[in-house]
Amino acid sequence: MVNISEKRINSTPGPVPFFFRFIATGFLSGYSPIVPGTAGSLVGLAIYVIPNFEIPSILFGFILITFFIGTYASSRMEKYYGDDPSIVVIDEIVGMWISLLFLPKSWVIGCIAFVAFRFYDIVKPPPARRIEKLANGWGIMLDDLFAGVYANITLQVMLLIFPGLG
């Protein structure tokens, strides 16, 4: 097994500063030895549980800020570790939050959103698969943005069909 530190791209300068690694790796959850993307999604769900975090203006503000900081941090990580390194999971956190935006806060909704987001993140329906090829952190962040939107739409439809779900 290759150590992640050995995957460095030779043409880039020294290691990524800790702050950017901390952000890009979802507060270090991306270093999970198994399913780091799922670990990052769980971090996003755990943050969402914080009281009042679900208020749309608060959640949207965090999505917006974290998306742009995450894009920059992911870009820094790509330059050092190569395209879409598995330790970068800030995109999963943002995608998980998008999955939950404008939905009622409940454990049922949270669990369904988690499963739906992971499904869409893995399957990558169009245009997510094509968008993930963008450089400079954009592909890393945007494909999960789409997965989050797909998951959110899925839950919105489910709530229309089963209004007691929320």
Foldseek 3Di string as FASTA:
>chain_A
DDDLQVLWDVVDDDDDDPVLLCLQLQNQCLVPPPDSLLSNLVSLLVVCPPPPCQVQVNLVVCLVVSLVSNLQSVLRCCNTRNQPDSSGHSLSSSLLSLLRHPHDDDPLSSVQSSVQLVVCLVVQDPPLVVQLPDHSSRNVNVSSVVSSPRNNVVVVVVCVVVVVRD
